[in-house]
Amino acid sequence: MTKNISREKVLASLKSRLNDIKKERQKEEPEFDCLAIEVQKIVHIQLSWGGPADGFKLTYSKEGDLLHGVYYKADWNEYEEINLSEDEMNEISEIYSAESFLEC
């Protein structure tokens, strides 16, 4: 079971990272050696919206490979995601022709 990190810890980490980035940009020759950028596309299939809302989010690599999928449910101040199995991801991708949106 995954334990959630407190919002306060995440905000403190964000503030620290932003300060580090600002300091690095001020240098004459900034070093972003450990920076990794990965381009992914997310196809958001919204089945319902408002309160409650639900749907799927399918994540594809830059090359169009299906990497990850979740089903989500949201209501007033509540949000939860459930990981889809590989079979479920492929089925949802096929049903909604999700790959066709990768060219957008």
C-alpha atoms as a PDB file:
ATOM      1  CA  MET A   1       0.000   0.000   0.000  1.00  0.00           C
ATOM      2  CA  THR A   2       1.317   3.442  -0.928  1.00  0.00           C
ATOM      3  CA  LYS A   3       1.463   6.048   1.818  1.00  0.00           C
ATOM      4  CA  ASN A   4       0.568   9.577   0.746  1.00  0.00           C
ATOM      5  CA  ILE A   5       3.108  12.344   1.315  1.00  0.00           C
ATOM      6  CA  SER A   6       1.682  15.262   3.245  1.00  0.00           C
ATOM      7  CA  ARG A   7       0.761  18.355   1.254  1.00  0.00           C
ATOM      8  CA  GLU A   8       3.074  20.417   3.470  1.00  0.00           C
ATOM      9  CA  LYS A   9       6.093  18.257   2.574  1.00  0.00           C
ATOM     10  CA  VAL A  10       5.284  18.483  -1.125  1.00  0.00           C
ATOM     11  CA  LEU A  11       4.902  22.286  -0.943  1.00  0.00           C
ATOM     12  CA  ALA A  12       8.205  22.606   0.961  1.00  0.00           C
ATOM     13  CA  SER A  13       9.953  20.444  -1.646  1.00  0.00           C
ATOM     14  CA  LEU A  14       8.454  22.515  -4.476  1.00  0.00           C
ATOM     15  CA  LYS A  15       9.629  25.762  -2.890  1.00  0.00           C
ATOM     16  CA  SER A  16      13.132  24.354  -2.409  1.00  0.00           C
ATOM     17  CA  ARG A  17      13.327  23.102  -6.022  1.00  0.00           C
ATOM     18  CA  LEU A  18      12.117  26.428  -7.431  1.00  0.00           C
ATOM     19  CA  ASN A  19      14.761  28.276  -5.389  1.00  0.00           C
ATOM     20  CA  ASP A  20      17.476  25.903  -6.646  1.00  0.00           C
ATOM     21  CA  ILE A  21      16.372  26.423 -10.260  1.00  0.00           C
ATOM     22  CA  LYS A  22      16.350  30.222  -9.879  1.00  0.00           C
ATOM     23  CA  LYS A  23      19.865  30.154  -8.383  1.00  0.00           C
ATOM     24  CA  GLU A  24      21.122  27.940 -11.205  1.00  0.00           C
ATOM     25  CA  ARG A  25      19.647  30.224 -13.894  1.00  0.00           C
ATOM     26  CA  GLN A  26      21.519  33.195 -12.417  1.00  0.00           C
ATOM     27  CA  LYS A  27      24.877  31.514 -13.022  1.00  0.00           C
ATOM     28  CA  GLU A  28      26.887  32.441 -16.083  1.00  0.00           C
ATOM     29  CA  GLU A  29      26.949  28.793 -17.176  1.00  0.00           C
ATOM     30  CA  PRO A  30      24.040  26.953 -15.578  1.00  0.00           C
ATOM     31  CA  GLU A  31      24.397  23.220 -15.042  1.00  0.00           C
ATOM     32  CA  PHE A  32      21.250  21.222 -15.552  1.00  0.00           C
ATOM     33  CA  ASP A  33      23.102  17.896 -15.814  1.00  0.00           C
ATOM     34  CA  CYS A  34      20.617  15.873 -13.810  1.00  0.00           C
ATOM     35  CA  LEU A  35      17.608  17.273 -15.640  1.00  0.00           C
ATOM     36  CA  ALA A  36      15.553  14.702 -17.521  1.00  0.00           C
ATOM     37  CA  ILE A  37      12.630  15.685 -19.695  1.00  0.00           C
ATOM     38  CA  GLU A  38      10.332  13.044 -21.078  1.00  0.00           C
ATOM     39  CA  VAL A  39       7.537  13.994 -23.449  1.00  0.00           C
ATOM     40  CA  GLN A  40       4.326  12.071 -22.950  1.00  0.00           C
ATOM     41  CA  LYS A  41       0.794  12.578 -24.171  1.00  0.00           C
ATOM     42  CA  ILE A  42      -2.266  12.017 -22.012  1.00  0.00           C
ATOM     43  CA  VAL A  43      -5.603  11.241 -23.596  1.00  0.00           C
ATOM     44  CA  HIS A  44      -8.323  12.238 -21.136  1.00  0.00           C
ATOM     45  CA  ILE A  45     -11.617  10.422 -21.743  1.00  0.00           C
ATOM     46  CA  GLN A  46     -14.205  12.206 -19.631  1.00  0.00           C
ATOM     47  CA  LEU A  47     -17.296  10.047 -19.142  1.00  0.00           C
ATOM     48  CA  SER A  48     -19.110  12.494 -16.864  1.00  0.00           C
ATOM     49  CA  TRP A  49     -18.292  15.880 -15.356  1.00  0.00           C
ATOM     50  CA  GLY A  50     -19.426  18.162 -12.600  1.00  0.00           C
ATOM     51  CA  GLY A  51     -20.114  16.440  -9.320  1.00  0.00           C
ATOM     52  CA  PRO A  52     -19.565  13.532  -9.572  1.00  0.00           C
ATOM     53  CA  ALA A  53     -17.195  13.099 -12.507  1.00  0.00           C
ATOM     54  CA  ASP A  54     -15.391  10.050 -13.847  1.00  0.00           C
ATOM     55  CA  GLY A  55     -13.323   8.905 -16.764  1.00  0.00           C
ATOM     56  CA  PHE A  56     -10.050   7.490 -17.990  1.00  0.00           C
ATOM     57  CA  LYS A  57      -6.576   8.925 -18.506  1.00  0.00           C
ATOM     58  CA  LEU A  58      -4.300   7.054 -20.876  1.00  0.00           C
ATOM     59  CA  THR A  59      -0.623   8.009 -21.035  1.00  0.00           C
ATOM     60  CA  TYR A  60       1.350   7.418 -24.234  1.00  0.00           C
ATOM     61  CA  SER A  61       5.041   7.808 -24.985  1.00  0.00           C
ATOM     62  CA  LYS A  62       6.233  10.306 -27.579  1.00  0.00           C
ATOM     63  CA  GLU A  63       6.413   7.346 -29.979  1.00  0.00           C
ATOM     64  CA  GLY A  64       2.771   6.402 -29.347  1.00  0.00           C
ATOM     65  CA  ASP A  65       3.275   3.427 -27.012  1.00  0.00           C
ATOM     66  CA  LEU A  66       0.604   3.034 -24.326  1.00  0.00           C
ATOM     67  CA  LEU A  67       2.448   3.388 -21.005  1.00  0.00           C
ATOM     68  CA  HIS A  68      -0.135   3.780 -18.265  1.00  0.00           C
ATOM     69  CA  GLY A  69      -3.842   4.082 -17.697  1.00  0.00           C
ATOM     70  CA  VAL A  70      -6.136   5.002 -14.840  1.00  0.00           C
ATOM     71  CA  TYR A  71      -9.830   5.212 -14.135  1.00  0.00           C
ATOM     72  CA  TYR A  72     -10.681   8.211 -11.951  1.00  0.00           C
ATOM     73  CA  LYS A  73     -13.684   9.261  -9.899  1.00  0.00           C
ATOM     74  CA  ALA A  74     -14.083  12.806  -8.599  1.00  0.00           C
ATOM     75  CA  ASP A  75     -16.665  14.503  -6.446  1.00  0.00           C
ATOM     76  CA  TRP A  76     -16.677  17.654  -4.363  1.00  0.00           C
ATOM     77  CA  ASN A  77     -13.185  17.841  -2.784  1.00  0.00           C
ATOM     78  CA  GLU A  78     -12.574  14.135  -3.437  1.00  0.00           C
ATOM     79  CA  TYR A  79     -10.489  12.489  -6.132  1.00  0.00           C
ATOM     80  CA  GLU A  80      -9.248   8.939  -6.557  1.00  0.00           C
ATOM     81  CA  GLU A  81      -7.476   7.067  -9.364  1.00  0.00           C
ATOM     82  CA  ILE A  82      -7.246   3.320  -9.908  1.00  0.00           C
ATOM     83  CA  ASN A  83      -4.547   1.876 -12.163  1.00  0.00           C
ATOM     84  CA  LEU A  84      -5.855  -0.112 -15.108  1.00  0.00           C
ATOM     85  CA  SER A  85      -4.430  -3.492 -16.036  1.00  0.00           C
ATOM     86  CA  GLU A  86      -2.668  -3.804 -19.381  1.00  0.00           C
ATOM     87  CA  ASP A  87      -5.738  -5.536 -20.853  1.00  0.00           C
ATOM     88  CA  GLU A  88      -8.065  -2.813 -19.527  1.00  0.00           C
ATOM     89  CA  MET A  89      -5.824  -0.048 -20.910  1.00  0.00           C
ATOM     90  CA  ASN A  90      -5.710  -1.651 -24.341  1.00  0.00           C
ATOM     91  CA  GLU A  91      -9.471  -2.215 -24.374  1.00  0.00           C
ATOM     92  CA  ILE A  92     -10.273   1.396 -23.405  1.00  0.00           C
ATOM     93  CA  SER A  93      -7.743   2.688 -25.933  1.00  0.00           C
ATOM     94  CA  GLU A  94      -9.354   0.604 -28.658  1.00  0.00           C
ATOM     95  CA  ILE A  95     -12.973   1.409 -27.713  1.00  0.00           C
ATOM     96  CA  TYR A  96     -12.367   5.166 -27.769  1.00  0.00           C
ATOM     97  CA  SER A  97      -9.812   5.118 -30.623  1.00  0.00           C
ATOM     98  CA  ALA A  98      -7.505   7.003 -28.278  1.00  0.00           C
ATOM     99  CA  GLU A  99      -4.450   6.626 -30.532  1.00  0.00           C
ATOM    100  CA  SER A 100      -6.135   8.853 -33.124  1.00  0.00           C
ATOM    101  CA  PHE A 101      -5.752  11.806 -30.752  1.00  0.00           C
ATOM    102  CA  LEU A 102      -1.975  11.486 -30.489  1.00  0.00           C
ATOM    103  CA  GLU A 103      -1.472  13.493 -33.687  1.00  0.00           C
ATOM    104  CA  CYS A 104      -3.173  16.566 -32.191  1.00  0.00           C
END
